Amino acid sequence: DLQRDIEQHTEGVTSVLTLCDVLLHDADACGSDGENDSIQQTTLSLDRRWKNICAMSMERRMRIEETWRLWTKFLDDYARFEEWLNTAERTAANPATKDVLYTCAKEELKKFE
């Protein structure tokens, strides 16, 4: 939503910056150097702030996408761990220990370890 809002305002900001540039080059509109400097500083400030907003928005979007990627990876890892844990619990609940040889029992013990 924030990205869409920024994109909707891009045309307006560009228009304001263009009008400021026109004012700077219009000798009749800016009678004194003070007015000219003021418009120039305001234009630079607006341009800098707008670029900063766009950059921060892009960084935030990238962080959100990275967080989402890591979250889905976590959910996948969790599902695999849960499946492994259920299998291990079933194996532990039903050990094959009746009438087994020592070597088989030792291998069965390794499974539980």
PDB file of N, CA and C in Angstrom:
ATOM      1  N   ASP A   1       0.828  -1.203   0.000  1.00  0.00           N
ATOM      2  CA  ASP A   1       0.000   0.000   0.000  1.00  0.00           C
ATOM      3  C   ASP A   1       0.868   1.261   0.000  1.00  0.00           C
ATOM      4  N   LEU A   2       1.916   1.218   0.813  1.00  0.00           N
ATOM      5  CA  LEU A   2       2.822   2.370   0.883  1.00  0.00           C
ATOM      6  C   LEU A   2       3.510   2.595  -0.459  1.00  0.00           C
ATOM      7  N   GLN A   3       3.964   1.516  -1.079  1.00  0.00           N
ATOM      8  CA  GLN A   3       4.631   1.623  -2.380  1.00  0.00           C
ATOM      9  C   GLN A   3       3.668   2.194  -3.424  1.00  0.00           C
ATOM     10  N   ARG A   4       2.438   1.741  -3.391  1.00  0.00           N
ATOM     11  CA  ARG A   4       1.432   2.222  -4.349  1.00  0.00           C
ATOM     12  C   ARG A   4       1.162   3.718  -4.115  1.00  0.00           C
ATOM     13  N   ASP A   5       1.095   4.129  -2.849  1.00  0.00           N
ATOM     14  CA  ASP A   5       0.877   5.535  -2.512  1.00  0.00           C
ATOM     15  C   ASP A   5       2.030   6.395  -3.020  1.00  0.00           C
ATOM     16  N   ILE A   6       3.243   5.912  -2.851  1.00  0.00           N
ATOM     17  CA  ILE A   6       4.415   6.650  -3.335  1.00  0.00           C
ATOM     18  C   ILE A   6       4.366   6.784  -4.851  1.00  0.00           C
ATOM     19  N   GLU A   7       4.020   5.694  -5.526  1.00  0.00           N
ATOM     20  CA  GLU A   7       3.946   5.728  -6.989  1.00  0.00           C
ATOM     21  C   GLU A   7       2.878   6.710  -7.466  1.00  0.00           C
ATOM     22  N   GLN A   8       1.764   6.813  -6.718  1.00  0.00           N
ATOM     23  CA  GLN A   8       0.711   7.748  -7.103  1.00  0.00           C
ATOM     24  C   GLN A   8       1.159   9.205  -6.945  1.00  0.00           C
ATOM     25  N   HIS A   9       2.052   9.472  -6.003  1.00  0.00           N
ATOM     26  CA  HIS A   9       2.514  10.834  -5.764  1.00  0.00           C
ATOM     27  C   HIS A   9       3.729  11.217  -6.618  1.00  0.00           C
ATOM     28  N   THR A  10       4.316  10.266  -7.295  1.00  0.00           N
ATOM     29  CA  THR A  10       5.513  10.537  -8.087  1.00  0.00           C
ATOM     30  C   THR A  10       5.259  11.608  -9.142  1.00  0.00           C
ATOM     31  N   GLU A  11       4.155  11.508  -9.835  1.00  0.00           N
ATOM     32  CA  GLU A  11       3.853  12.477 -10.890  1.00  0.00           C
ATOM     33  C   GLU A  11       3.691  13.879 -10.312  1.00  0.00           C
ATOM     34  N   GLY A  12       3.017  14.011  -9.174  1.00  0.00           N
ATOM     35  CA  GLY A  12       2.836  15.311  -8.545  1.00  0.00           C
ATOM     36  C   GLY A  12       4.143  15.923  -8.090  1.00  0.00           C
ATOM     37  N   VAL A  13       5.009  15.107  -7.486  1.00  0.00           N
ATOM     38  CA  VAL A  13       6.310  15.605  -7.029  1.00  0.00           C
ATOM     39  C   VAL A  13       7.151  16.036  -8.224  1.00  0.00           C
ATOM     40  N   THR A  14       7.137  15.245  -9.275  1.00  0.00           N
ATOM     41  CA  THR A  14       7.884  15.598 -10.490  1.00  0.00           C
ATOM     42  C   THR A  14       7.366  16.908 -11.064  1.00  0.00           C
ATOM     43  N   SER A  15       6.060  17.077 -11.041  1.00  0.00           N
ATOM     44  CA  SER A  15       5.456  18.312 -11.550  1.00  0.00           C
ATOM     45  C   SER A  15       5.898  19.521 -10.727  1.00  0.00           C
ATOM     46  N   VAL A  16       5.906  19.385  -9.400  1.00  0.00           N
ATOM     47  CA  VAL A  16       6.344  20.482  -8.532  1.00  0.00           C
ATOM     48  C   VAL A  16       7.812  20.815  -8.798  1.00  0.00           C
ATOM     49  N   LEU A  17       8.643  19.797  -8.927  1.00  0.00           N
ATOM     50  CA  LEU A  17      10.065  20.039  -9.202  1.00  0.00           C
ATOM     51  C   LEU A  17      10.254  20.734 -10.544  1.00  0.00           C
ATOM     52  N   THR A  18       9.474  20.367 -11.523  1.00  0.00           N
ATOM     53  CA  THR A  18       9.550  21.012 -12.845  1.00  0.00           C
ATOM     54  C   THR A  18       9.120  22.473 -12.748  1.00  0.00           C
ATOM     55  N   LEU A  19       8.039  22.735 -12.012  1.00  0.00           N
ATOM     56  CA  LEU A  19       7.578  24.117 -11.837  1.00  0.00           C
ATOM     57  C   LEU A  19       8.623  24.960 -11.108  1.00  0.00           C
ATOM     58  N   CYS A  20       9.281  24.370 -10.120  1.00  0.00           N
ATOM     59  CA  CYS A  20      10.353  25.089  -9.425  1.00  0.00           C
ATOM     60  C   CYS A  20      11.481  25.440 -10.383  1.00  0.00           C
ATOM     61  N   ASP A  21      11.818  24.501 -11.264  1.00  0.00           N
ATOM     62  CA  ASP A  21      12.866  24.745 -12.247  1.00  0.00           C
ATOM     63  C   ASP A  21      12.459  25.873 -13.196  1.00  0.00           C
ATOM     64  N   VAL A  22      11.182  25.889 -13.604  1.00  0.00           N
ATOM     65  CA  VAL A  22      10.678  26.954 -14.471  1.00  0.00           C
ATOM     66  C   VAL A  22      10.772  28.294 -13.751  1.00  0.00           C
ATOM     67  N   LEU A  23      10.388  28.321 -12.472  1.00  0.00           N
ATOM     68  CA  LEU A  23      10.478  29.565 -11.697  1.00  0.00           C
ATOM     69  C   LEU A  23      11.911  30.075 -11.612  1.00  0.00           C
ATOM     70  N   LEU A  24      12.837  29.148 -11.420  1.00  0.00           N
ATOM     71  CA  LEU A  24      14.245  29.553 -11.308  1.00  0.00           C
ATOM     72  C   LEU A  24      14.757  30.212 -12.587  1.00  0.00           C
ATOM     73  N   HIS A  25      14.230  29.797 -13.724  1.00  0.00           N
ATOM     74  CA  HIS A  25      14.700  30.337 -15.007  1.00  0.00           C
ATOM     75  C   HIS A  25      13.850  31.507 -15.503  1.00  0.00           C
ATOM     76  N   ASP A  26      12.818  31.857 -14.758  1.00  0.00           N
ATOM     77  CA  ASP A  26      11.951  32.978 -15.138  1.00  0.00           C
ATOM     78  C   ASP A  26      12.392  34.217 -14.357  1.00  0.00           C
ATOM     79  N   ALA A  27      12.992  35.149 -15.030  1.00  0.00           N
ATOM     80  CA  ALA A  27      13.543  36.344 -14.375  1.00  0.00           C
ATOM     81  C   ALA A  27      12.435  37.208 -13.767  1.00  0.00           C
ATOM     82  N   ASP A  28      11.250  37.210 -14.369  1.00  0.00           N
ATOM     83  CA  ASP A  28      10.155  38.031 -13.856  1.00  0.00           C
ATOM     84  C   ASP A  28       9.583  37.461 -12.557  1.00  0.00           C
ATOM     85  N   ALA A  29       9.600  36.139 -12.404  1.00  0.00           N
ATOM     86  CA  ALA A  29       9.021  35.512 -11.214  1.00  0.00           C
ATOM     87  C   ALA A  29       9.929  35.673 -10.000  1.00  0.00           C
ATOM     88  N   CYS A  30      11.214  35.584 -10.213  1.00  0.00           N
ATOM     89  CA  CYS A  30      12.171  35.711  -9.107  1.00  0.00           C
ATOM     90  C   CYS A  30      12.936  37.012  -9.276  1.00  0.00           C
ATOM     91  N   GLY A  31      12.483  38.035  -8.561  1.00  0.00           N
ATOM     92  CA  GLY A  31      13.085  39.349  -8.704  1.00  0.00           C
ATOM     93  C   GLY A  31      14.437  39.475  -8.040  1.00  0.00           C
ATOM     94  N   SER A  32      14.618  38.794  -6.930  1.00  0.00           N
ATOM     95  CA  SER A  32      15.878  38.975  -6.204  1.00  0.00           C
ATOM     96  C   SER A  32      16.631  37.648  -6.085  1.00  0.00           C
ATOM     97  N   ASP A  33      17.901  37.773  -5.757  1.00  0.00           N
ATOM     98  CA  ASP A  33      18.739  36.588  -5.564  1.00  0.00           C
ATOM     99  C   ASP A  33      18.268  35.791  -4.353  1.00  0.00           C
ATOM    100  N   GLY A  34      17.739  36.501  -3.357  1.00  0.00           N
ATOM    101  CA  GLY A  34      17.239  35.827  -2.149  1.00  0.00           C
ATOM    102  C   GLY A  34      16.079  34.885  -2.469  1.00  0.00           C
ATOM    103  N   GLU A  35      15.152  35.370  -3.298  1.00  0.00           N
ATOM    104  CA  GLU A  35      14.023  34.524  -3.710  1.00  0.00           C
ATOM    105  C   GLU A  35      14.520  33.344  -4.544  1.00  0.00           C
ATOM    106  N   ASN A  36      15.449  33.621  -5.416  1.00  0.00           N
ATOM    107  CA  ASN A  36      16.015  32.580  -6.276  1.00  0.00           C
ATOM    108  C   ASN A  36      16.705  31.505  -5.425  1.00  0.00           C
ATOM    109  N   ASP A  37      17.513  31.945  -4.449  1.00  0.00           N
ATOM    110  CA  ASP A  37      18.204  30.997  -3.564  1.00  0.00           C
ATOM    111  C   ASP A  37      17.206  30.182  -2.747  1.00  0.00           C
ATOM    112  N   SER A  38      16.163  30.852  -2.279  1.00  0.00           N
ATOM    113  CA  SER A  38      15.146  30.169  -1.477  1.00  0.00           C
ATOM    114  C   SER A  38      14.452  29.074  -2.284  1.00  0.00           C
ATOM    115  N   ILE A  39      14.077  29.418  -3.509  1.00  0.00           N
ATOM    116  CA  ILE A  39      13.420  28.417  -4.371  1.00  0.00           C
ATOM    117  C   ILE A  39      14.390  27.284  -4.686  1.00  0.00           C
ATOM    118  N   GLN A  40      15.637  27.626  -4.951  1.00  0.00           N
ATOM    119  CA  GLN A  40      16.631  26.599  -5.280  1.00  0.00           C
ATOM    120  C   GLN A  40      16.853  25.664  -4.089  1.00  0.00           C
ATOM    121  N   GLN A  41      16.977  26.204  -2.890  1.00  0.00           N
ATOM    122  CA  GLN A  41      17.173  25.377  -1.696  1.00  0.00           C
ATOM    123  C   GLN A  41      15.950  24.506  -1.420  1.00  0.00           C
ATOM    124  N   THR A  42      14.764  25.085  -1.596  1.00  0.00           N
ATOM    125  CA  THR A  42      13.528  24.323  -1.389  1.00  0.00           C
ATOM    126  C   THR A  42      13.421  23.192  -2.401  1.00  0.00           C
ATOM    127  N   THR A  43      13.789  23.483  -3.643  1.00  0.00           N
ATOM    128  CA  THR A  43      13.756  22.457  -4.690  1.00  0.00           C
ATOM    129  C   THR A  43      14.718  21.323  -4.366  1.00  0.00           C
ATOM    130  N   LEU A  44      15.936  21.673  -3.976  1.00  0.00           N
ATOM    131  CA  LEU A  44      16.924  20.645  -3.634  1.00  0.00           C
ATOM    132  C   LEU A  44      16.475  19.818  -2.432  1.00  0.00           C
ATOM    133  N   SER A  45      15.897  20.495  -1.454  1.00  0.00           N
ATOM    134  CA  SER A  45      15.419  19.796  -0.262  1.00  0.00           C
ATOM    135  C   SER A  45      14.294  18.823  -0.613  1.00  0.00           C
ATOM    136  N   LEU A  46      13.337  19.292  -1.406  1.00  0.00           N
ATOM    137  CA  LEU A  46      12.227  18.430  -1.816  1.00  0.00           C
ATOM    138  C   LEU A  46      12.738  17.240  -2.624  1.00  0.00           C
ATOM    139  N   ASP A  47      13.641  17.497  -3.550  1.00  0.00           N
ATOM    140  CA  ASP A  47      14.195  16.427  -4.378  1.00  0.00           C
ATOM    141  C   ASP A  47      14.932  15.396  -3.517  1.00  0.00           C
ATOM    142  N   ARG A  48      15.741  15.877  -2.585  1.00  0.00           N
ATOM    143  CA  ARG A  48      16.497  14.993  -1.694  1.00  0.00           C
ATOM    144  C   ARG A  48      15.544  14.155  -0.825  1.00  0.00           C
ATOM    145  N   ARG A  49      14.538  14.830  -0.263  1.00  0.00           N
ATOM    146  CA  ARG A  49      13.590  14.114   0.600  1.00  0.00           C
ATOM    147  C   ARG A  49      12.798  13.071  -0.185  1.00  0.00           C
ATOM    148  N   TRP A  50      12.396  13.424  -1.407  1.00  0.00           N
ATOM    149  CA  TRP A  50      11.626  12.479  -2.230  1.00  0.00           C
ATOM    150  C   TRP A  50      12.479  11.257  -2.589  1.00  0.00           C
ATOM    151  N   LYS A  51      13.731  11.489  -2.970  1.00  0.00           N
ATOM    152  CA  LYS A  51      14.620  10.367  -3.285  1.00  0.00           C
ATOM    153  C   LYS A  51      14.857   9.494  -2.059  1.00  0.00           C
ATOM    154  N   ASN A  52      14.956  10.119  -0.896  1.00  0.00           N
ATOM    155  CA  ASN A  52      15.130   9.376   0.350  1.00  0.00           C
ATOM    156  C   ASN A  52      13.905   8.515   0.650  1.00  0.00           C
ATOM    157  N   ILE A  53      12.713   9.078   0.450  1.00  0.00           N
ATOM    158  CA  ILE A  53      11.475   8.322   0.662  1.00  0.00           C
ATOM    159  C   ILE A  53      11.429   7.117  -0.269  1.00  0.00           C
ATOM    160  N   CYS A  54      11.749   7.334  -1.532  1.00  0.00           N
ATOM    161  CA  CYS A  54      11.723   6.234  -2.508  1.00  0.00           C
ATOM    162  C   CYS A  54      12.745   5.157  -2.143  1.00  0.00           C
ATOM    163  N   ALA A  55      13.937   5.572  -1.733  1.00  0.00           N
ATOM    164  CA  ALA A  55      14.989   4.604  -1.374  1.00  0.00           C
ATOM    165  C   ALA A  55      14.588   3.816  -0.128  1.00  0.00           C
ATOM    166  N   MET A  56      14.075   4.520   0.875  1.00  0.00           N
ATOM    167  CA  MET A  56      13.660   3.826   2.110  1.00  0.00           C
ATOM    168  C   MET A  56      12.519   2.860   1.830  1.00  0.00           C
ATOM    169  N   SER A  57      11.620   3.250   0.961  1.00  0.00           N
ATOM    170  CA  SER A  57      10.506   2.378   0.600  1.00  0.00           C
ATOM    171  C   SER A  57      11.014   1.104  -0.060  1.00  0.00           C
ATOM    172  N   MET A  58      11.981   1.253  -0.954  1.00  0.00           N
ATOM    173  CA  MET A  58      12.546   0.091  -1.641  1.00  0.00           C
ATOM    174  C   MET A  58      13.280  -0.810  -0.646  1.00  0.00           C
ATOM    175  N   GLU A  59      14.037  -0.207   0.262  1.00  0.00           N
ATOM    176  CA  GLU A  59      14.746  -0.995   1.283  1.00  0.00           C
ATOM    177  C   GLU A  59      13.748  -1.749   2.159  1.00  0.00           C
ATOM    178  N   ARG A  60      12.686  -1.070   2.550  1.00  0.00           N
ATOM    179  CA  ARG A  60      11.668  -1.710   3.392  1.00  0.00           C
ATOM    180  C   ARG A  60      11.020  -2.877   2.645  1.00  0.00           C
ATOM    181  N   ARG A  61      10.730  -2.650   1.380  1.00  0.00           N
ATOM    182  CA  ARG A  61      10.116  -3.715   0.574  1.00  0.00           C
ATOM    183  C   ARG A  61      11.046  -4.933   0.489  1.00  0.00           C
ATOM    184  N   MET A  62      12.344  -4.668   0.290  1.00  0.00           N
ATOM    185  CA  MET A  62      13.312  -5.766   0.200  1.00  0.00           C
ATOM    186  C   MET A  62      13.398  -6.512   1.536  1.00  0.00           C
ATOM    187  N   ARG A  63      13.360  -5.765   2.650  1.00  0.00           N
ATOM    188  CA  ARG A  63      13.395  -6.419   3.966  1.00  0.00           C
ATOM    189  C   ARG A  63      12.148  -7.250   4.199  1.00  0.00           C
ATOM    190  N   ILE A  64      10.995  -6.746   3.780  1.00  0.00           N
ATOM    191  CA  ILE A  64       9.747  -7.503   3.935  1.00  0.00           C
ATOM    192  C   ILE A  64       9.807  -8.786   3.115  1.00  0.00           C
ATOM    193  N   GLU A  65      10.292  -8.673   1.872  1.00  0.00           N
ATOM    194  CA  GLU A  65      10.397  -9.860   1.022  1.00  0.00           C
ATOM    195  C   GLU A  65      11.381 -10.872   1.606  1.00  0.00           C
ATOM    196  N   GLU A  66      12.503 -10.396   2.146  1.00  0.00           N
ATOM    197  CA  GLU A  66      13.485 -11.291   2.770  1.00  0.00           C
ATOM    198  C   GLU A  66      12.902 -11.951   4.016  1.00  0.00           C
ATOM    199  N   THR A  67      12.171 -11.178   4.806  1.00  0.00           N
ATOM    200  CA  THR A  67      11.520 -11.735   5.997  1.00  0.00           C
ATOM    201  C   THR A  67      10.513 -12.811   5.593  1.00  0.00           C
ATOM    202  N   TRP A  68       9.744 -12.541   4.542  1.00  0.00           N
ATOM    203  CA  TRP A  68       8.769 -13.521   4.071  1.00  0.00           C
ATOM    204  C   TRP A  68       9.466 -14.793   3.588  1.00  0.00           C
ATOM    205  N   ARG A  69      10.576 -14.632   2.860  1.00  0.00           N
ATOM    206  CA  ARG A  69      11.321 -15.792   2.377  1.00  0.00           C
ATOM    207  C   ARG A  69      11.847 -16.615   3.550  1.00  0.00           C
ATOM    208  N   LEU A  70      12.414 -15.933   4.546  1.00  0.00           N
ATOM    209  CA  LEU A  70      12.931 -16.646   5.720  1.00  0.00           C
ATOM    210  C   LEU A  70      11.800 -17.307   6.510  1.00  0.00           C
ATOM    211  N   TRP A  71      10.644 -16.655   6.585  1.00  0.00           N
ATOM    212  CA  TRP A  71       9.504 -17.222   7.305  1.00  0.00           C
ATOM    213  C   TRP A  71       9.021 -18.497   6.615  1.00  0.00           C
ATOM    214  N   THR A  72       8.908 -18.490   5.291  1.00  0.00           N
ATOM    215  CA  THR A  72       8.459 -19.692   4.588  1.00  0.00           C
ATOM    216  C   THR A  72       9.495 -20.809   4.720  1.00  0.00           C
ATOM    217  N   LYS A  73      10.791 -20.447   4.707  1.00  0.00           N
ATOM    218  CA  LYS A  73      11.834 -21.456   4.915  1.00  0.00           C
ATOM    219  C   LYS A  73      11.707 -22.046   6.320  1.00  0.00           C
ATOM    220  N   PHE A  74      11.474 -21.190   7.311  1.00  0.00           N
ATOM    221  CA  PHE A  74      11.284 -21.674   8.674  1.00  0.00           C
ATOM    222  C   PHE A  74      10.099 -22.636   8.749  1.00  0.00           C
ATOM    223  N   LEU A  75       8.994 -22.277   8.118  1.00  0.00           N
ATOM    224  CA  LEU A  75       7.810 -23.144   8.147  1.00  0.00           C
ATOM    225  C   LEU A  75       8.092 -24.489   7.480  1.00  0.00           C
ATOM    226  N   ASP A  76       8.835 -24.478   6.386  1.00  0.00           N
ATOM    227  CA  ASP A  76       9.217 -25.733   5.721  1.00  0.00           C
ATOM    228  C   ASP A  76      10.112 -26.573   6.627  1.00  0.00           C
ATOM    229  N   ASP A  77      11.113 -25.927   7.232  1.00  0.00           N
ATOM    230  CA  ASP A  77      12.004 -26.649   8.153  1.00  0.00           C
ATOM    231  C   ASP A  77      11.232 -27.206   9.336  1.00  0.00           C
ATOM    232  N   TYR A  78      10.314 -26.418   9.853  1.00  0.00           N
ATOM    233  CA  TYR A  78       9.503 -26.860  10.987  1.00  0.00           C
ATOM    234  C   TYR A  78       8.657 -28.074  10.609  1.00  0.00           C
ATOM    235  N   ALA A  79       8.071 -28.049   9.408  1.00  0.00           N
ATOM    236  CA  ALA A  79       7.239 -29.178   8.971  1.00  0.00           C
ATOM    237  C   ALA A  79       8.088 -30.447   8.849  1.00  0.00           C
ATOM    238  N   ARG A  80       9.292 -30.312   8.290  1.00  0.00           N
ATOM    239  CA  ARG A  80      10.169 -31.481   8.182  1.00  0.00           C
ATOM    240  C   ARG A  80      10.595 -31.983   9.555  1.00  0.00           C
ATOM    241  N   PHE A  81      10.909 -31.068  10.469  1.00  0.00           N
ATOM    242  CA  PHE A  81      11.293 -31.456  11.822  1.00  0.00           C
ATOM    243  C   PHE A  81      10.134 -32.153  12.533  1.00  0.00           C
ATOM    244  N   GLU A  82       8.938 -31.602  12.377  1.00  0.00           N
ATOM    245  CA  GLU A  82       7.764 -32.205  13.020  1.00  0.00           C
ATOM    246  C   GLU A  82       7.521 -33.621  12.488  1.00  0.00           C
ATOM    247  N   GLU A  83       7.693 -33.803  11.185  1.00  0.00           N
ATOM    248  CA  GLU A  83       7.534 -35.137  10.584  1.00  0.00           C
ATOM    249  C   GLU A  83       8.590 -36.095  11.136  1.00  0.00           C
ATOM    250  N   TRP A  84       9.836 -35.632  11.210  1.00  0.00           N
ATOM    251  CA  TRP A  84      10.903 -36.457  11.758  1.00  0.00           C
ATOM    252  C   TRP A  84      10.631 -36.803  13.219  1.00  0.00           C
ATOM    253  N   LEU A  85      10.179 -35.824  13.991  1.00  0.00           N
ATOM    254  CA  LEU A  85       9.906 -36.031  15.404  1.00  0.00           C
ATOM    255  C   LEU A  85       8.777 -37.044  15.602  1.00  0.00           C
ATOM    256  N   ASN A  86       7.732 -36.953  14.796  1.00  0.00           N
ATOM    257  CA  ASN A  86       6.634 -37.924  14.883  1.00  0.00           C
ATOM    258  C   ASN A  86       7.124 -39.335  14.564  1.00  0.00           C
ATOM    259  N   THR A  87       7.963 -39.453  13.548  1.00  0.00           N
ATOM    260  CA  THR A  87       8.522 -40.759  13.194  1.00  0.00           C
ATOM    261  C   THR A  87       9.384 -41.286  14.335  1.00  0.00           C
ATOM    262  N   ALA A  88      10.217 -40.415  14.916  1.00  0.00           N
ATOM    263  CA  ALA A  88      11.075 -40.826  16.028  1.00  0.00           C
ATOM    264  C   ALA A  88      10.246 -41.239  17.242  1.00  0.00           C
ATOM    265  N   GLU A  89       9.165 -40.534  17.505  1.00  0.00           N
ATOM    266  CA  GLU A  89       8.301 -40.894  18.638  1.00  0.00           C
ATOM    267  C   GLU A  89       7.621 -42.248  18.407  1.00  0.00           C
ATOM    268  N   ARG A  90       7.183 -42.487  17.169  1.00  0.00           N
ATOM    269  CA  ARG A  90       6.569 -43.795  16.871  1.00  0.00           C
ATOM    270  C   ARG A  90       7.591 -44.923  17.026  1.00  0.00           C
ATOM    271  N   THR A  91       8.818 -44.670  16.557  1.00  0.00           N
ATOM    272  CA  THR A  91       9.881 -45.670  16.668  1.00  0.00           C
ATOM    273  C   THR A  91      10.196 -45.937  18.133  1.00  0.00           C
ATOM    274  N   ALA A  92      10.260 -44.889  18.932  1.00  0.00           N
ATOM    275  CA  ALA A  92      10.579 -45.043  20.349  1.00  0.00           C
ATOM    276  C   ALA A  92       9.443 -45.727  21.103  1.00  0.00           C
ATOM    277  N   ALA A  93       8.226 -45.539  20.657  1.00  0.00           N
ATOM    278  CA  ALA A  93       7.079 -46.138  21.341  1.00  0.00           C
ATOM    279  C   ALA A  93       6.961 -47.638  21.070  1.00  0.00           C
ATOM    280  N   ASN A  94       7.521 -48.096  19.973  1.00  0.00           N
ATOM    281  CA  ASN A  94       7.414 -49.509  19.601  1.00  0.00           C
ATOM    282  C   ASN A  94       8.784 -50.120  19.329  1.00  0.00           C
ATOM    283  N   PRO A  95       9.618 -50.254  20.348  1.00  0.00           N
ATOM    284  CA  PRO A  95      10.944 -50.837  20.099  1.00  0.00           C
ATOM    285  C   PRO A  95      10.829 -52.344  19.821  1.00  0.00           C
ATOM    286  N   ALA A  96      11.678 -52.822  18.940  1.00  0.00           N
ATOM    287  CA  ALA A  96      11.708 -54.259  18.624  1.00  0.00           C
ATOM    288  C   ALA A  96      12.710 -54.919  19.570  1.00  0.00           C
ATOM    289  N   THR A  97      12.294 -55.193  20.811  1.00  0.00           N
ATOM    290  CA  THR A  97      13.225 -55.718  21.816  1.00  0.00           C
ATOM    291  C   THR A  97      12.888 -57.134  22.263  1.00  0.00           C
ATOM    292  N   LYS A  98      11.840 -57.702  21.754  1.00  0.00           N
ATOM    293  CA  LYS A  98      11.451 -59.040  22.189  1.00  0.00           C
ATOM    294  C   LYS A  98      12.253 -60.080  21.404  1.00  0.00           C
ATOM    295  N   ASP A  99      12.934 -60.985  22.147  1.00  0.00           N
ATOM    296  CA  ASP A  99      13.707 -62.075  21.546  1.00  0.00           C
ATOM    297  C   ASP A  99      14.658 -61.596  20.460  1.00  0.00           C
ATOM    298  N   VAL A 100      15.510 -60.652  20.790  1.00  0.00           N
ATOM    299  CA  VAL A 100      16.481 -60.167  19.815  1.00  0.00           C
ATOM    300  C   VAL A 100      17.885 -60.497  20.279  1.00  0.00           C
ATOM    301  N   LEU A 101      18.766 -60.596  19.326  1.00  0.00           N
ATOM    302  CA  LEU A 101      20.164 -60.829  19.634  1.00  0.00           C
ATOM    303  C   LEU A 101      20.789 -59.558  20.170  1.00  0.00           C
ATOM    304  N   TYR A 102      21.904 -59.720  20.851  1.00  0.00           N
ATOM    305  CA  TYR A 102      22.591 -58.580  21.441  1.00  0.00           C
ATOM    306  C   TYR A 102      22.978 -57.558  20.369  1.00  0.00           C
ATOM    307  N   THR A 103      23.482 -58.007  19.223  1.00  0.00           N
ATOM    308  CA  THR A 103      23.912 -57.086  18.161  1.00  0.00           C
ATOM    309  C   THR A 103      22.720 -56.308  17.601  1.00  0.00           C
ATOM    310  N   CYS A 104      21.584 -56.993  17.464  1.00  0.00           N
ATOM    311  CA  CYS A 104      20.381 -56.307  16.975  1.00  0.00           C
ATOM    312  C   CYS A 104      19.906 -55.280  17.999  1.00  0.00           C
ATOM    313  N   ALA A 105      19.967 -55.655  19.282  1.00  0.00           N
ATOM    314  CA  ALA A 105      19.549 -54.732  20.332  1.00  0.00           C
ATOM    315  C   ALA A 105      20.472 -53.514  20.361  1.00  0.00           C
ATOM    316  N   LYS A 106      21.760 -53.765  20.124  1.00  0.00           N
ATOM    317  CA  LYS A 106      22.716 -52.671  20.108  1.00  0.00           C
ATOM    318  C   LYS A 106      22.425 -51.710  18.941  1.00  0.00           C
ATOM    319  N   GLU A 107      22.079 -52.252  17.780  1.00  0.00           N
ATOM    320  CA  GLU A 107      21.716 -51.412  16.633  1.00  0.00           C
ATOM    321  C   GLU A 107      20.414 -50.669  16.889  1.00  0.00           C
ATOM    322  N   GLU A 108      19.477 -51.323  17.555  1.00  0.00           N
ATOM    323  CA  GLU A 108      18.213 -50.683  17.906  1.00  0.00           C
ATOM    324  C   GLU A 108      18.478 -49.522  18.853  1.00  0.00           C
ATOM    325  N   LEU A 109      19.412 -49.723  19.793  1.00  0.00           N
ATOM    326  CA  LEU A 109      19.783 -48.658  20.721  1.00  0.00           C
ATOM    327  C   LEU A 109      20.369 -47.456  19.976  1.00  0.00           C
ATOM    328  N   LYS A 110      21.152 -47.699  18.927  1.00  0.00           N
ATOM    329  CA  LYS A 110      21.717 -46.600  18.138  1.00  0.00           C
ATOM    330  C   LYS A 110      20.620 -45.756  17.502  1.00  0.00           C
ATOM    331  N   LYS A 111      19.523 -46.407  17.076  1.00  0.00           N
ATOM    332  CA  LYS A 111      18.413 -45.677  16.491  1.00  0.00           C
ATOM    333  C   LYS A 111      17.848 -44.692  17.504  1.00  0.00           C
ATOM    334  N   PHE A 112      17.704 -45.153  18.739  1.00  0.00           N
ATOM    335  CA  PHE A 112      17.119 -44.290  19.773  1.00  0.00           C
ATOM    336  C   PHE A 112      18.062 -43.176  20.161  1.00  0.00           C
ATOM    337  N   GLU A 113      19.351 -43.469  20.141  1.00  0.00           N
ATOM    338  CA  GLU A 113      20.310 -42.424  20.473  1.00  0.00           C
ATOM    339  C   GLU A 113      20.292 -41.347  19.404  1.00  0.00           C
TER     340      GLU A 113
END
